[in-house]
Amino acid sequence: MNLFFDKKALEIIRDIIRETMLGNVAIALLINISSSYMTTRDISSLVSLSVFILTIICIELWVIVSIINYLSLLQKIIKKLSIFILTLWVCLFFTLTSRYFVMLSDAWTNQ
C-alpha cells in the first residue's frame, strides 16, 4: 500500500492538519498577546500570564486528543506513520509546556 496514492490515509492526514490548525493559531495569538504582559512586573500581569499559559496548555492537550482520535483511524492503514505523528506531537507538547513554565518562572523571579 502506497501512502501517496491511498485516498483514505491522505484524507485522515488532511483532517489532522485541519483540526490542529485552529489550535496552532490560537497558541500563536496567545503567545503574541502574552508578550505585552511581560513588560510590567506587577501581580495582575503575572495572573494574566498564568491564565494565558494555562489556556495554551489546555489548547495543546486538545490538539493532542484530536490527533489521537484521528490516529486511531490512520493506524489501521499506516501504523508506522501514525506512531511517528503521535511521537512528534507529544515531543512538541512537552517542549512548549516546559518553555511556558520557564517563561512564567522568569517573569516571577524578575519581579
N, C-alpha and C. Protein backbone atom coordinates (compact mmCIF):
# COMPACT_ATOMS: atom_id res chain seq x y z
N MET A 1 0.85 -1.17 0.00
CA MET A 1 0.00 0.00 0.00
C MET A 1 0.90 1.24 0.00
N ASN A 2 0.67 2.12 -0.94
CA ASN A 2 1.49 3.31 -1.08
C ASN A 2 0.79 4.49 -0.43
N LEU A 3 1.51 5.23 0.36
CA LEU A 3 0.94 6.37 1.09
C LEU A 3 0.43 7.44 0.14
N PHE A 4 1.16 7.70 -0.92
CA PHE A 4 0.84 8.83 -1.79
C PHE A 4 -0.40 8.58 -2.64
N PHE A 5 -0.82 7.34 -2.76
CA PHE A 5 -1.98 7.05 -3.59
C PHE A 5 -3.15 6.50 -2.79
N ASP A 6 -3.00 6.41 -1.49
CA ASP A 6 -4.08 5.92 -0.65
C ASP A 6 -4.95 7.10 -0.24
N LYS A 7 -6.12 7.17 -0.83
CA LYS A 7 -7.00 8.31 -0.62
C LYS A 7 -7.48 8.42 0.83
N LYS A 8 -7.78 7.30 1.45
CA LYS A 8 -8.28 7.32 2.83
C LYS A 8 -7.22 7.87 3.80
N ALA A 9 -5.96 7.44 3.63
CA ALA A 9 -4.88 7.92 4.50
C ALA A 9 -4.65 9.41 4.30
N LEU A 10 -4.68 9.86 3.06
CA LEU A 10 -4.48 11.28 2.80
C LEU A 10 -5.62 12.12 3.37
N GLU A 11 -6.84 11.60 3.33
CA GLU A 11 -7.96 12.33 3.92
C GLU A 11 -7.82 12.43 5.44
N ILE A 12 -7.33 11.38 6.07
CA ILE A 12 -7.14 11.41 7.52
C ILE A 12 -6.04 12.40 7.89
N ILE A 13 -4.95 12.41 7.13
CA ILE A 13 -3.87 13.38 7.38
C ILE A 13 -4.37 14.80 7.17
N ARG A 14 -5.18 15.01 6.14
CA ARG A 14 -5.78 16.33 5.91
C ARG A 14 -6.66 16.74 7.10
N ASP A 15 -7.43 15.81 7.63
CA ASP A 15 -8.27 16.11 8.79
C ASP A 15 -7.44 16.44 10.02
N ILE A 16 -6.31 15.76 10.20
CA ILE A 16 -5.41 16.08 11.32
C ILE A 16 -4.90 17.50 11.19
N ILE A 17 -4.47 17.87 9.99
CA ILE A 17 -3.97 19.23 9.76
C ILE A 17 -5.08 20.25 9.98
N ARG A 18 -6.26 19.95 9.51
CA ARG A 18 -7.40 20.87 9.66
C ARG A 18 -7.78 21.06 11.13
N GLU A 19 -7.79 19.97 11.88
CA GLU A 19 -8.15 20.06 13.30
C GLU A 19 -7.11 20.81 14.12
N THR A 20 -5.85 20.62 13.80
CA THR A 20 -4.80 21.23 14.61
C THR A 20 -4.48 22.66 14.20
N MET A 21 -4.93 23.08 13.03
CA MET A 21 -4.62 24.43 12.57
C MET A 21 -5.23 25.50 13.48
N LEU A 22 -6.45 25.29 13.91
CA LEU A 22 -7.10 26.26 14.80
C LEU A 22 -6.38 26.35 16.13
N GLY A 23 -5.95 25.22 16.66
CA GLY A 23 -5.20 25.23 17.91
C GLY A 23 -3.87 25.94 17.77
N ASN A 24 -3.18 25.72 16.66
CA ASN A 24 -1.90 26.38 16.44
C ASN A 24 -2.06 27.89 16.31
N VAL A 25 -3.11 28.34 15.64
CA VAL A 25 -3.36 29.78 15.51
C VAL A 25 -3.70 30.38 16.87
N ALA A 26 -4.48 29.67 17.66
CA ALA A 26 -4.83 30.17 18.99
C ALA A 26 -3.60 30.28 19.88
N ILE A 27 -2.71 29.30 19.81
CA ILE A 27 -1.48 29.35 20.60
C ILE A 27 -0.61 30.51 20.17
N ALA A 28 -0.47 30.71 18.86
CA ALA A 28 0.35 31.83 18.37
C ALA A 28 -0.24 33.16 18.80
N LEU A 29 -1.55 33.30 18.76
CA LEU A 29 -2.20 34.54 19.19
C LEU A 29 -2.00 34.78 20.68
N LEU A 30 -2.15 33.75 21.49
CA LEU A 30 -1.96 33.92 22.94
C LEU A 30 -0.52 34.24 23.29
N ILE A 31 0.43 33.64 22.59
CA ILE A 31 1.84 33.97 22.85
C ILE A 31 2.11 35.41 22.46
N ASN A 32 1.53 35.86 21.36
CA ASN A 32 1.71 37.25 20.94
C ASN A 32 1.10 38.21 21.96
N ILE A 33 -0.06 37.89 22.47
CA ILE A 33 -0.71 38.75 23.46
C ILE A 33 0.06 38.72 24.78
N SER A 34 0.56 37.55 25.18
CA SER A 34 1.22 37.44 26.48
C SER A 34 2.53 38.20 26.54
N SER A 35 3.15 38.47 25.40
CA SER A 35 4.40 39.22 25.43
C SER A 35 4.20 40.65 25.92
N SER A 36 3.02 41.22 25.69
CA SER A 36 2.77 42.57 26.18
C SER A 36 2.58 42.59 27.69
N TYR A 37 2.18 41.48 28.28
CA TYR A 37 2.01 41.42 29.73
C TYR A 37 3.33 41.20 30.46
N MET A 38 4.38 40.87 29.74
CA MET A 38 5.66 40.61 30.39
C MET A 38 6.48 41.88 30.56
N THR A 39 6.01 43.02 30.06
CA THR A 39 6.76 44.26 30.21
C THR A 39 6.62 44.83 31.61
N THR A 40 5.44 44.70 32.21
CA THR A 40 5.24 45.17 33.58
C THR A 40 5.36 43.98 34.52
N ARG A 41 5.83 44.25 35.72
CA ARG A 41 6.07 43.17 36.68
C ARG A 41 5.19 43.33 37.92
N ASP A 42 3.89 43.44 37.71
CA ASP A 42 3.00 43.50 38.86
C ASP A 42 2.18 42.22 38.92
N ILE A 43 1.38 42.10 39.96
CA ILE A 43 0.66 40.86 40.20
C ILE A 43 -0.41 40.61 39.14
N SER A 44 -1.03 41.66 38.62
CA SER A 44 -2.07 41.46 37.61
C SER A 44 -1.49 40.91 36.31
N SER A 45 -0.29 41.36 35.94
CA SER A 45 0.33 40.82 34.73
C SER A 45 0.74 39.37 34.93
N LEU A 46 1.18 39.02 36.14
CA LEU A 46 1.53 37.63 36.40
C LEU A 46 0.31 36.72 36.40
N VAL A 47 -0.81 37.22 36.92
CA VAL A 47 -2.04 36.43 36.89
C VAL A 47 -2.50 36.26 35.44
N SER A 48 -2.44 37.34 34.66
CA SER A 48 -2.83 37.24 33.25
C SER A 48 -1.92 36.30 32.49
N LEU A 49 -0.63 36.37 32.76
CA LEU A 49 0.32 35.47 32.11
C LEU A 49 0.06 34.02 32.51
N SER A 50 -0.29 33.80 33.76
CA SER A 50 -0.61 32.44 34.21
C SER A 50 -1.86 31.91 33.51
N VAL A 51 -2.86 32.76 33.36
CA VAL A 51 -4.07 32.35 32.65
C VAL A 51 -3.76 32.04 31.20
N PHE A 52 -2.93 32.86 30.56
CA PHE A 52 -2.53 32.59 29.17
C PHE A 52 -1.80 31.26 29.06
N ILE A 53 -0.90 30.99 29.98
CA ILE A 53 -0.13 29.75 29.92
C ILE A 53 -1.04 28.54 30.15
N LEU A 54 -1.95 28.63 31.10
CA LEU A 54 -2.89 27.53 31.32
C LEU A 54 -3.79 27.31 30.11
N THR A 55 -4.21 28.40 29.47
CA THR A 55 -5.02 28.28 28.27
C THR A 55 -4.25 27.62 27.14
N ILE A 56 -2.99 28.01 26.98
CA ILE A 56 -2.16 27.41 25.94
C ILE A 56 -1.97 25.92 26.21
N ILE A 57 -1.75 25.55 27.45
CA ILE A 57 -1.58 24.13 27.78
C ILE A 57 -2.87 23.36 27.50
N CYS A 58 -4.02 23.95 27.81
CA CYS A 58 -5.29 23.28 27.52
C CYS A 58 -5.50 23.12 26.01
N ILE A 59 -5.12 24.13 25.24
CA ILE A 59 -5.23 24.03 23.79
C ILE A 59 -4.31 22.94 23.26
N GLU A 60 -3.10 22.86 23.81
CA GLU A 60 -2.18 21.80 23.39
C GLU A 60 -2.75 20.42 23.71
N LEU A 61 -3.34 20.26 24.87
CA LEU A 61 -3.95 18.97 25.22
C LEU A 61 -5.10 18.64 24.27
N TRP A 62 -5.90 19.65 23.92
CA TRP A 62 -6.99 19.44 22.98
C TRP A 62 -6.46 19.00 21.62
N VAL A 63 -5.36 19.60 21.17
CA VAL A 63 -4.76 19.23 19.90
C VAL A 63 -4.26 17.79 19.96
N ILE A 64 -3.61 17.42 21.05
CA ILE A 64 -3.11 16.05 21.20
C ILE A 64 -4.27 15.05 21.18
N VAL A 65 -5.36 15.36 21.88
CA VAL A 65 -6.50 14.45 21.91
C VAL A 65 -7.13 14.31 20.52
N SER A 66 -7.23 15.42 19.79
CA SER A 66 -7.80 15.32 18.44
C SER A 66 -6.88 14.53 17.51
N ILE A 67 -5.57 14.66 17.69
CA ILE A 67 -4.65 13.87 16.87
C ILE A 67 -4.78 12.39 17.21
N ILE A 68 -4.87 12.06 18.49
CA ILE A 68 -5.02 10.65 18.88
C ILE A 68 -6.32 10.08 18.32
N ASN A 69 -7.36 10.89 18.28
CA ASN A 69 -8.63 10.45 17.72
C ASN A 69 -8.48 10.05 16.25
N TYR A 70 -7.80 10.88 15.48
CA TYR A 70 -7.61 10.57 14.06
C TYR A 70 -6.54 9.50 13.84
N LEU A 71 -5.58 9.41 14.74
CA LEU A 71 -4.53 8.40 14.57
C LEU A 71 -5.07 6.99 14.74
N SER A 72 -6.13 6.84 15.51
CA SER A 72 -6.72 5.51 15.62
C SER A 72 -7.26 5.04 14.28
N LEU A 73 -7.78 5.97 13.48
CA LEU A 73 -8.21 5.62 12.13
C LEU A 73 -7.03 5.39 11.21
N LEU A 74 -6.01 6.22 11.37
CA LEU A 74 -4.85 6.11 10.49
C LEU A 74 -4.02 4.88 10.81
N GLN A 75 -4.05 4.45 12.05
CA GLN A 75 -3.23 3.31 12.45
C GLN A 75 -3.68 2.03 11.75
N LYS A 76 -4.95 1.95 11.43
CA LYS A 76 -5.43 0.79 10.69
C LYS A 76 -4.83 0.75 9.29
N ILE A 77 -4.49 1.92 8.75
CA ILE A 77 -3.97 1.99 7.39
C ILE A 77 -2.45 1.97 7.39
N ILE A 78 -1.85 2.90 8.12
CA ILE A 78 -0.39 3.04 8.13
C ILE A 78 0.06 3.14 9.58
N LYS A 79 0.56 2.07 10.11
CA LYS A 79 0.89 2.01 11.53
C LYS A 79 2.12 2.84 11.87
N LYS A 80 3.18 2.75 11.08
CA LYS A 80 4.43 3.46 11.40
C LYS A 80 4.26 4.97 11.30
N LEU A 81 3.51 5.44 10.32
CA LEU A 81 3.31 6.88 10.17
C LEU A 81 2.50 7.43 11.34
N SER A 82 1.50 6.69 11.79
CA SER A 82 0.69 7.18 12.90
C SER A 82 1.50 7.26 14.19
N ILE A 83 2.38 6.30 14.41
CA ILE A 83 3.25 6.36 15.60
C ILE A 83 4.21 7.54 15.51
N PHE A 84 4.73 7.81 14.32
CA PHE A 84 5.64 8.94 14.12
C PHE A 84 4.93 10.27 14.38
N ILE A 85 3.72 10.43 13.86
CA ILE A 85 2.98 11.68 14.06
C ILE A 85 2.66 11.88 15.54
N LEU A 86 2.25 10.84 16.22
CA LEU A 86 1.95 10.95 17.65
C LEU A 86 3.20 11.31 18.45
N THR A 87 4.32 10.68 18.14
CA THR A 87 5.57 10.98 18.83
C THR A 87 5.99 12.42 18.60
N LEU A 88 5.84 12.89 17.38
CA LEU A 88 6.18 14.28 17.05
C LEU A 88 5.35 15.26 17.86
N TRP A 89 4.05 15.05 17.94
CA TRP A 89 3.19 15.97 18.66
C TRP A 89 3.40 15.91 20.16
N VAL A 90 3.68 14.75 20.69
CA VAL A 90 3.94 14.64 22.13
C VAL A 90 5.24 15.37 22.49
N CYS A 91 6.26 15.21 21.65
CA CYS A 91 7.52 15.94 21.89
C CYS A 91 7.30 17.45 21.81
N LEU A 92 6.51 17.88 20.84
CA LEU A 92 6.21 19.31 20.72
C LEU A 92 5.45 19.80 21.94
N PHE A 93 4.51 19.02 22.43
CA PHE A 93 3.74 19.40 23.60
C PHE A 93 4.63 19.58 24.82
N PHE A 94 5.51 18.62 25.07
CA PHE A 94 6.38 18.72 26.24
C PHE A 94 7.39 19.86 26.10
N THR A 95 7.88 20.10 24.90
CA THR A 95 8.83 21.19 24.69
C THR A 95 8.16 22.54 24.93
N LEU A 96 6.99 22.74 24.35
CA LEU A 96 6.30 24.02 24.53
C LEU A 96 5.85 24.22 25.98
N THR A 97 5.39 23.17 26.62
CA THR A 97 4.96 23.29 28.01
C THR A 97 6.13 23.66 28.91
N SER A 98 7.27 23.06 28.69
CA SER A 98 8.44 23.42 29.51
C SER A 98 8.87 24.86 29.26
N ARG A 99 8.75 25.32 28.02
CA ARG A 99 9.09 26.73 27.74
C ARG A 99 8.13 27.69 28.42
N TYR A 100 6.84 27.32 28.49
CA TYR A 100 5.88 28.19 29.16
C TYR A 100 6.18 28.28 30.65
N PHE A 101 6.55 27.16 31.26
CA PHE A 101 6.90 27.20 32.67
C PHE A 101 8.17 28.01 32.91
N VAL A 102 9.13 27.93 32.02
CA VAL A 102 10.34 28.75 32.13
C VAL A 102 9.98 30.22 31.98
N MET A 103 9.10 30.54 31.03
CA MET A 103 8.68 31.92 30.83
C MET A 103 7.97 32.45 32.07
N LEU A 104 7.12 31.65 32.67
CA LEU A 104 6.42 32.08 33.88
C LEU A 104 7.39 32.24 35.04
N SER A 105 8.31 31.33 35.20
CA SER A 105 9.26 31.44 36.32
C SER A 105 10.20 32.62 36.13
N ASP A 106 10.59 32.92 34.89
CA ASP A 106 11.42 34.11 34.63
C ASP A 106 10.65 35.39 34.95
N ALA A 107 9.38 35.41 34.58
CA ALA A 107 8.57 36.59 34.89
C ALA A 107 8.39 36.74 36.39
N TRP A 108 8.27 35.64 37.10
CA TRP A 108 8.08 35.69 38.55
C TRP A 108 9.35 36.12 39.27
N THR A 109 10.52 35.64 38.83
CA THR A 109 11.77 35.98 39.51
C THR A 109 12.26 37.37 39.17
N ASN A 110 11.87 37.91 38.03
CA ASN A 110 12.31 39.25 37.64
C ASN A 110 11.44 40.34 38.22
N GLN A 111 10.48 39.98 39.02
CA GLN A 111 9.57 40.99 39.57
C GLN A 111 10.26 41.86 40.59
